[in-house]
Amino acid sequence: MQNAFVESFNGRFRDECLNDTLFSTLSETHSAIISWKEDYNHHRPHSALGNMSPVEFARKSTLEKQAA
């Protein structure tokens, strides 16, 4: 099952980041990947998290733990 998650992520990364841009330098590539990673890991809603972004999910989890 783990391989399915990796393949899904790799396909998404390729479609949304790598295929959209023609990179001319390695530093340009690095900057684009860092930006995409920041958006993916902090701002984009994920279906596995109830369509919340990871930041929202972490905030909600922290508040629920504090309330308990």
PDB file of N, CA and C in Angstrom:
ATOM      1  N   MET A   1       0.823  -1.199   0.000  1.00  0.00           N
ATOM      2  CA  MET A   1       0.000   0.000   0.000  1.00  0.00           C
ATOM      3  C   MET A   1       0.863   1.257   0.000  1.00  0.00           C
ATOM      4  N   GLN A   2       2.003   1.197   0.658  1.00  0.00           N
ATOM      5  CA  GLN A   2       2.863   2.377   0.721  1.00  0.00           C
ATOM      6  C   GLN A   2       3.274   2.828  -0.683  1.00  0.00           C
ATOM      7  N   ASN A   3       3.568   1.915  -1.565  1.00  0.00           N
ATOM      8  CA  ASN A   3       3.982   2.266  -2.914  1.00  0.00           C
ATOM      9  C   ASN A   3       2.883   3.033  -3.645  1.00  0.00           C
ATOM     10  N   ALA A   4       1.628   2.709  -3.406  1.00  0.00           N
ATOM     11  CA  ALA A   4       0.526   3.424  -4.042  1.00  0.00           C
ATOM     12  C   ALA A   4       0.522   4.889  -3.628  1.00  0.00           C
ATOM     13  N   PHE A   5       0.805   5.169  -2.357  1.00  0.00           N
ATOM     14  CA  PHE A   5       0.856   6.556  -1.897  1.00  0.00           C
ATOM     15  C   PHE A   5       2.023   7.303  -2.538  1.00  0.00           C
ATOM     16  N   VAL A   6       3.153   6.652  -2.648  1.00  0.00           N
ATOM     17  CA  VAL A   6       4.331   7.270  -3.258  1.00  0.00           C
ATOM     18  C   VAL A   6       4.076   7.547  -4.732  1.00  0.00           C
ATOM     19  N   GLU A   7       3.504   6.583  -5.430  1.00  0.00           N
ATOM     20  CA  GLU A   7       3.215   6.775  -6.853  1.00  0.00           C
ATOM     21  C   GLU A   7       2.197   7.886  -7.062  1.00  0.00           C
ATOM     22  N   SER A   8       1.206   7.969  -6.196  1.00  0.00           N
ATOM     23  CA  SER A   8       0.216   9.037  -6.290  1.00  0.00           C
ATOM     24  C   SER A   8       0.873  10.400  -6.089  1.00  0.00           C
ATOM     25  N   PHE A   9       1.726  10.499  -5.077  1.00  0.00           N
ATOM     26  CA  PHE A   9       2.420  11.755  -4.825  1.00  0.00           C
ATOM     27  C   PHE A   9       3.340  12.112  -5.999  1.00  0.00           C
ATOM     28  N   ASN A  10       4.101  11.144  -6.482  1.00  0.00           N
ATOM     29  CA  ASN A  10       5.022  11.412  -7.593  1.00  0.00           C
ATOM     30  C   ASN A  10       4.278  11.904  -8.829  1.00  0.00           C
ATOM     31  N   GLY A  11       3.142  11.305  -9.126  1.00  0.00           N
ATOM     32  CA  GLY A  11       2.344  11.752 -10.263  1.00  0.00           C
ATOM     33  C   GLY A  11       1.827  13.160 -10.082  1.00  0.00           C
ATOM     34  N   ARG A  12       1.353  13.461  -8.893  1.00  0.00           N
ATOM     35  CA  ARG A  12       0.844  14.803  -8.598  1.00  0.00           C
ATOM     36  C   ARG A  12       1.970  15.830  -8.696  1.00  0.00           C
ATOM     37  N   PHE A  13       3.119  15.506  -8.122  1.00  0.00           N
ATOM     38  CA  PHE A  13       4.264  16.411  -8.159  1.00  0.00           C
ATOM     39  C   PHE A  13       4.711  16.667  -9.598  1.00  0.00           C
ATOM     40  N   ARG A  14       4.768  15.619 -10.381  1.00  0.00           N
ATOM     41  CA  ARG A  14       5.176  15.757 -11.785  1.00  0.00           C
ATOM     42  C   ARG A  14       4.167  16.608 -12.553  1.00  0.00           C
ATOM     43  N   ASP A  15       2.865  16.328 -12.383  1.00  0.00           N
ATOM     44  CA  ASP A  15       1.830  17.056 -13.125  1.00  0.00           C
ATOM     45  C   ASP A  15       1.731  18.519 -12.716  1.00  0.00           C
ATOM     46  N   GLU A  16       1.836  18.795 -11.425  1.00  0.00           N
ATOM     47  CA  GLU A  16       1.585  20.148 -10.942  1.00  0.00           C
ATOM     48  C   GLU A  16       2.821  21.027 -10.872  1.00  0.00           C
ATOM     49  N   CYS A  17       3.984  20.429 -10.809  1.00  0.00           N
ATOM     50  CA  CYS A  17       5.189  21.237 -10.657  1.00  0.00           C
ATOM     51  C   CYS A  17       6.155  21.064 -11.821  1.00  0.00           C
ATOM     52  N   LEU A  18       6.576  19.860 -12.053  1.00  0.00           N
ATOM     53  CA  LEU A  18       7.649  19.653 -13.024  1.00  0.00           C
ATOM     54  C   LEU A  18       7.210  19.812 -14.470  1.00  0.00           C
ATOM     55  N   ASN A  19       6.010  19.382 -14.820  1.00  0.00           N
ATOM     56  CA  ASN A  19       5.560  19.481 -16.206  1.00  0.00           C
ATOM     57  C   ASN A  19       5.094  20.879 -16.587  1.00  0.00           C
ATOM     58  N   ASP A  20       4.838  21.746 -15.601  1.00  0.00           N
ATOM     59  CA  ASP A  20       4.325  23.077 -15.892  1.00  0.00           C
ATOM     60  C   ASP A  20       5.397  24.077 -16.287  1.00  0.00           C
ATOM     61  N   THR A  21       6.640  23.796 -15.973  1.00  0.00           N
ATOM     62  CA  THR A  21       7.675  24.792 -16.137  1.00  0.00           C
ATOM     63  C   THR A  21       8.865  24.217 -16.879  1.00  0.00           C
ATOM     64  N   LEU A  22       9.416  25.008 -17.760  1.00  0.00           N
ATOM     65  CA  LEU A  22      10.676  24.670 -18.410  1.00  0.00           C
ATOM     66  C   LEU A  22      11.772  25.382 -17.628  1.00  0.00           C
ATOM     67  N   PHE A  23      12.542  24.637 -16.884  1.00  0.00           N
ATOM     68  CA  PHE A  23      13.567  25.212 -16.019  1.00  0.00           C
ATOM     69  C   PHE A  23      14.844  25.449 -16.810  1.00  0.00           C
ATOM     70  N   SER A  24      15.492  26.589 -16.548  1.00  0.00           N
ATOM     71  CA  SER A  24      16.734  26.879 -17.256  1.00  0.00           C
ATOM     72  C   SER A  24      17.960  26.735 -16.360  1.00  0.00           C
ATOM     73  N   THR A  25      17.767  26.795 -15.060  1.00  0.00           N
ATOM     74  CA  THR A  25      18.893  26.623 -14.139  1.00  0.00           C
ATOM     75  C   THR A  25      18.485  25.711 -12.988  1.00  0.00           C
ATOM     76  N   LEU A  26      19.477  25.155 -12.353  1.00  0.00           N
ATOM     77  CA  LEU A  26      19.222  24.304 -11.197  1.00  0.00           C
ATOM     78  C   LEU A  26      18.644  25.113 -10.038  1.00  0.00           C
ATOM     79  N   SER A  27      19.104  26.341  -9.834  1.00  0.00           N
ATOM     80  CA  SER A  27      18.580  27.160  -8.743  1.00  0.00           C
ATOM     81  C   SER A  27      17.117  27.538  -8.985  1.00  0.00           C
ATOM     82  N   GLU A  28      16.751  27.759 -10.233  1.00  0.00           N
ATOM     83  CA  GLU A  28      15.347  28.034 -10.575  1.00  0.00           C
ATOM     84  C   GLU A  28      14.483  26.807 -10.272  1.00  0.00           C
ATOM     85  N   THR A  29      14.988  25.642 -10.599  1.00  0.00           N
ATOM     86  CA  THR A  29      14.288  24.395 -10.311  1.00  0.00           C
ATOM     87  C   THR A  29      14.117  24.217  -8.807  1.00  0.00           C
ATOM     88  N   HIS A  30      15.183  24.448  -8.077  1.00  0.00           N
ATOM     89  CA  HIS A  30      15.147  24.327  -6.620  1.00  0.00           C
ATOM     90  C   HIS A  30      14.111  25.275  -6.012  1.00  0.00           C
ATOM     91  N   SER A  31      14.080  26.522  -6.457  1.00  0.00           N
ATOM     92  CA  SER A  31      13.119  27.507  -5.943  1.00  0.00           C
ATOM     93  C   SER A  31      11.678  27.090  -6.227  1.00  0.00           C
ATOM     94  N   ALA A  32      11.427  26.589  -7.428  1.00  0.00           N
ATOM     95  CA  ALA A  32      10.075  26.164  -7.796  1.00  0.00           C
ATOM     96  C   ALA A  32       9.635  24.973  -6.949  1.00  0.00           C
ATOM     97  N   ILE A  33      10.540  24.040  -6.714  1.00  0.00           N
ATOM     98  CA  ILE A  33      10.204  22.864  -5.908  1.00  0.00           C
ATOM     99  C   ILE A  33       9.948  23.259  -4.464  1.00  0.00           C
ATOM    100  N   ILE A  34      10.759  24.145  -3.916  1.00  0.00           N
ATOM    101  CA  ILE A  34      10.553  24.616  -2.538  1.00  0.00           C
ATOM    102  C   ILE A  34       9.189  25.304  -2.412  1.00  0.00           C
ATOM    103  N   SER A  35       8.832  26.143  -3.380  1.00  0.00           N
ATOM    104  CA  SER A  35       7.528  26.825  -3.349  1.00  0.00           C
ATOM    105  C   SER A  35       6.378  25.833  -3.421  1.00  0.00           C
ATOM    106  N   TRP A  36       6.488  24.849  -4.317  1.00  0.00           N
ATOM    107  CA  TRP A  36       5.436  23.854  -4.445  1.00  0.00           C
ATOM    108  C   TRP A  36       5.304  23.049  -3.162  1.00  0.00           C
ATOM    109  N   LYS A  37       6.441  22.662  -2.590  1.00  0.00           N
ATOM    110  CA  LYS A  37       6.449  21.880  -1.342  1.00  0.00           C
ATOM    111  C   LYS A  37       5.805  22.661  -0.196  1.00  0.00           C
ATOM    112  N   GLU A  38       6.103  23.941  -0.089  1.00  0.00           N
ATOM    113  CA  GLU A  38       5.513  24.791   0.942  1.00  0.00           C
ATOM    114  C   GLU A  38       3.987  24.835   0.794  1.00  0.00           C
ATOM    115  N   ASP A  39       3.527  25.039  -0.434  1.00  0.00           N
ATOM    116  CA  ASP A  39       2.080  25.074  -0.678  1.00  0.00           C
ATOM    117  C   ASP A  39       1.439  23.725  -0.364  1.00  0.00           C
ATOM    118  N   TYR A  40       2.052  22.642  -0.827  1.00  0.00           N
ATOM    119  CA  TYR A  40       1.501  21.303  -0.639  1.00  0.00           C
ATOM    120  C   TYR A  40       1.451  20.910   0.833  1.00  0.00           C
ATOM    121  N   ASN A  41       2.491  21.230   1.577  1.00  0.00           N
ATOM    122  CA  ASN A  41       2.584  20.801   2.972  1.00  0.00           C
ATOM    123  C   ASN A  41       1.894  21.724   3.966  1.00  0.00           C
ATOM    124  N   HIS A  42       1.537  22.938   3.564  1.00  0.00           N
ATOM    125  CA  HIS A  42       0.991  23.872   4.537  1.00  0.00           C
ATOM    126  C   HIS A  42      -0.353  24.488   4.153  1.00  0.00           C
ATOM    127  N   HIS A  43      -0.626  24.654   2.872  1.00  0.00           N
ATOM    128  CA  HIS A  43      -1.802  25.438   2.483  1.00  0.00           C
ATOM    129  C   HIS A  43      -2.868  24.667   1.713  1.00  0.00           C
ATOM    130  N   ARG A  44      -2.492  23.654   1.005  1.00  0.00           N
ATOM    131  CA  ARG A  44      -3.431  22.931   0.150  1.00  0.00           C
ATOM    132  C   ARG A  44      -4.298  21.962   0.954  1.00  0.00           C
ATOM    133  N   PRO A  45      -5.605  21.964   0.724  1.00  0.00           N
ATOM    134  CA  PRO A  45      -6.469  20.981   1.396  1.00  0.00           C
ATOM    135  C   PRO A  45      -6.151  19.557   0.937  1.00  0.00           C
ATOM    136  N   HIS A  46      -6.196  18.624   1.866  1.00  0.00           N
ATOM    137  CA  HIS A  46      -5.934  17.214   1.575  1.00  0.00           C
ATOM    138  C   HIS A  46      -7.178  16.412   1.935  1.00  0.00           C
ATOM    139  N   SER A  47      -7.608  15.553   1.046  1.00  0.00           N
ATOM    140  CA  SER A  47      -8.810  14.756   1.291  1.00  0.00           C
ATOM    141  C   SER A  47      -8.616  13.838   2.500  1.00  0.00           C
ATOM    142  N   ALA A  48      -7.408  13.367   2.740  1.00  0.00           N
ATOM    143  CA  ALA A  48      -7.147  12.491   3.883  1.00  0.00           C
ATOM    144  C   ALA A  48      -7.301  13.217   5.214  1.00  0.00           C
ATOM    145  N   LEU A  49      -7.275  14.542   5.178  1.00  0.00           N
ATOM    146  CA  LEU A  49      -7.430  15.348   6.396  1.00  0.00           C
ATOM    147  C   LEU A  49      -8.803  16.012   6.454  1.00  0.00           C
ATOM    148  N   GLY A  50      -9.762  15.438   5.775  1.00  0.00           N
ATOM    149  CA  GLY A  50     -11.110  16.008   5.777  1.00  0.00           C
ATOM    150  C   GLY A  50     -11.179  17.301   4.990  1.00  0.00           C
ATOM    151  N   ASN A  51     -10.417  17.389   3.920  1.00  0.00           N
ATOM    152  CA  ASN A  51     -10.339  18.575   3.057  1.00  0.00           C
ATOM    153  C   ASN A  51      -9.901  19.828   3.805  1.00  0.00           C
ATOM    154  N   MET A  52      -9.045  19.628   4.794  1.00  0.00           N
ATOM    155  CA  MET A  52      -8.408  20.745   5.493  1.00  0.00           C
ATOM    156  C   MET A  52      -6.938  20.773   5.099  1.00  0.00           C
ATOM    157  N   SER A  53      -6.348  21.940   5.191  1.00  0.00           N
ATOM    158  CA  SER A  53      -4.906  22.011   4.961  1.00  0.00           C
ATOM    159  C   SER A  53      -4.203  21.415   6.176  1.00  0.00           C
ATOM    160  N   PRO A  54      -2.967  20.977   6.012  1.00  0.00           N
ATOM    161  CA  PRO A  54      -2.247  20.422   7.157  1.00  0.00           C
ATOM    162  C   PRO A  54      -2.142  21.398   8.327  1.00  0.00           C
ATOM    163  N   VAL A  55      -2.005  22.684   8.044  1.00  0.00           N
ATOM    164  CA  VAL A  55      -1.927  23.681   9.112  1.00  0.00           C
ATOM    165  C   VAL A  55      -3.257  23.755   9.867  1.00  0.00           C
ATOM    166  N   GLU A  56      -4.369  23.777   9.134  1.00  0.00           N
ATOM    167  CA  GLU A  56      -5.685  23.794   9.778  1.00  0.00           C
ATOM    168  C   GLU A  56      -5.915  22.524  10.592  1.00  0.00           C
ATOM    169  N   PHE A  57      -5.527  21.382  10.041  1.00  0.00           N
ATOM    170  CA  PHE A  57      -5.701  20.113  10.737  1.00  0.00           C
ATOM    171  C   PHE A  57      -4.891  20.081  12.034  1.00  0.00           C
ATOM    172  N   ALA A  58      -3.654  20.539  11.973  1.00  0.00           N
ATOM    173  CA  ALA A  58      -2.807  20.567  13.172  1.00  0.00           C
ATOM    174  C   ALA A  58      -3.384  21.513  14.217  1.00  0.00           C
ATOM    175  N   ARG A  59      -3.862  22.670  13.789  1.00  0.00           N
ATOM    176  CA  ARG A  59      -4.469  23.638  14.710  1.00  0.00           C
ATOM    177  C   ARG A  59      -5.706  23.041  15.373  1.00  0.00           C
ATOM    178  N   LYS A  60      -6.551  22.384  14.579  1.00  0.00           N
ATOM    179  CA  LYS A  60      -7.761  21.770  15.111  1.00  0.00           C
ATOM    180  C   LYS A  60      -7.412  20.652  16.092  1.00  0.00           C
ATOM    181  N   SER A  61      -6.441  19.825  15.745  1.00  0.00           N
ATOM    182  CA  SER A  61      -6.024  18.734  16.625  1.00  0.00           C
ATOM    183  C   SER A  61      -5.474  19.258  17.942  1.00  0.00           C
ATOM    184  N   THR A  62      -4.706  20.319  17.882  1.00  0.00           N
ATOM    185  CA  THR A  62      -4.145  20.924  19.102  1.00  0.00           C
ATOM    186  C   THR A  62      -5.253  21.472  19.985  1.00  0.00           C
ATOM    187  N   LEU A  63      -6.228  22.149  19.381  1.00  0.00           N
ATOM    188  CA  LEU A  63      -7.345  22.700  20.166  1.00  0.00           C
ATOM    189  C   LEU A  63      -8.176  21.586  20.800  1.00  0.00           C
ATOM    190  N   GLU A  64      -8.377  20.494  20.054  1.00  0.00           N
ATOM    191  CA  GLU A  64      -9.143  19.375  20.601  1.00  0.00           C
ATOM    192  C   GLU A  64      -8.396  18.708  21.764  1.00  0.00           C
ATOM    193  N   LYS A  65      -7.092  18.593  21.667  1.00  0.00           N
ATOM    194  CA  LYS A  65      -6.307  18.006  22.740  1.00  0.00           C
ATOM    195  C   LYS A  65      -6.319  18.899  23.975  1.00  0.00           C
ATOM    196  N   GLN A  66      -6.276  20.212  23.773  1.00  0.00           N
ATOM    197  CA  GLN A  66      -6.309  21.147  24.893  1.00  0.00           C
ATOM    198  C   GLN A  66      -7.669  21.135  25.586  1.00  0.00           C
ATOM    199  N   ALA A  67      -8.733  20.940  24.794  1.00  0.00           N
ATOM    200  CA  ALA A  67     -10.075  20.927  25.348  1.00  0.00           C
ATOM    201  C   ALA A  67     -10.357  19.641  26.144  1.00  0.00           C
ATOM    202  N   ALA A  68      -9.645  18.578  25.826  1.00  0.00           N
ATOM    203  CA  ALA A  68      -9.891  17.291  26.472  1.00  0.00           C
ATOM    204  C   ALA A  68      -9.265  17.198  27.844  1.00  0.00           C
TER     205      ALA A  68
END
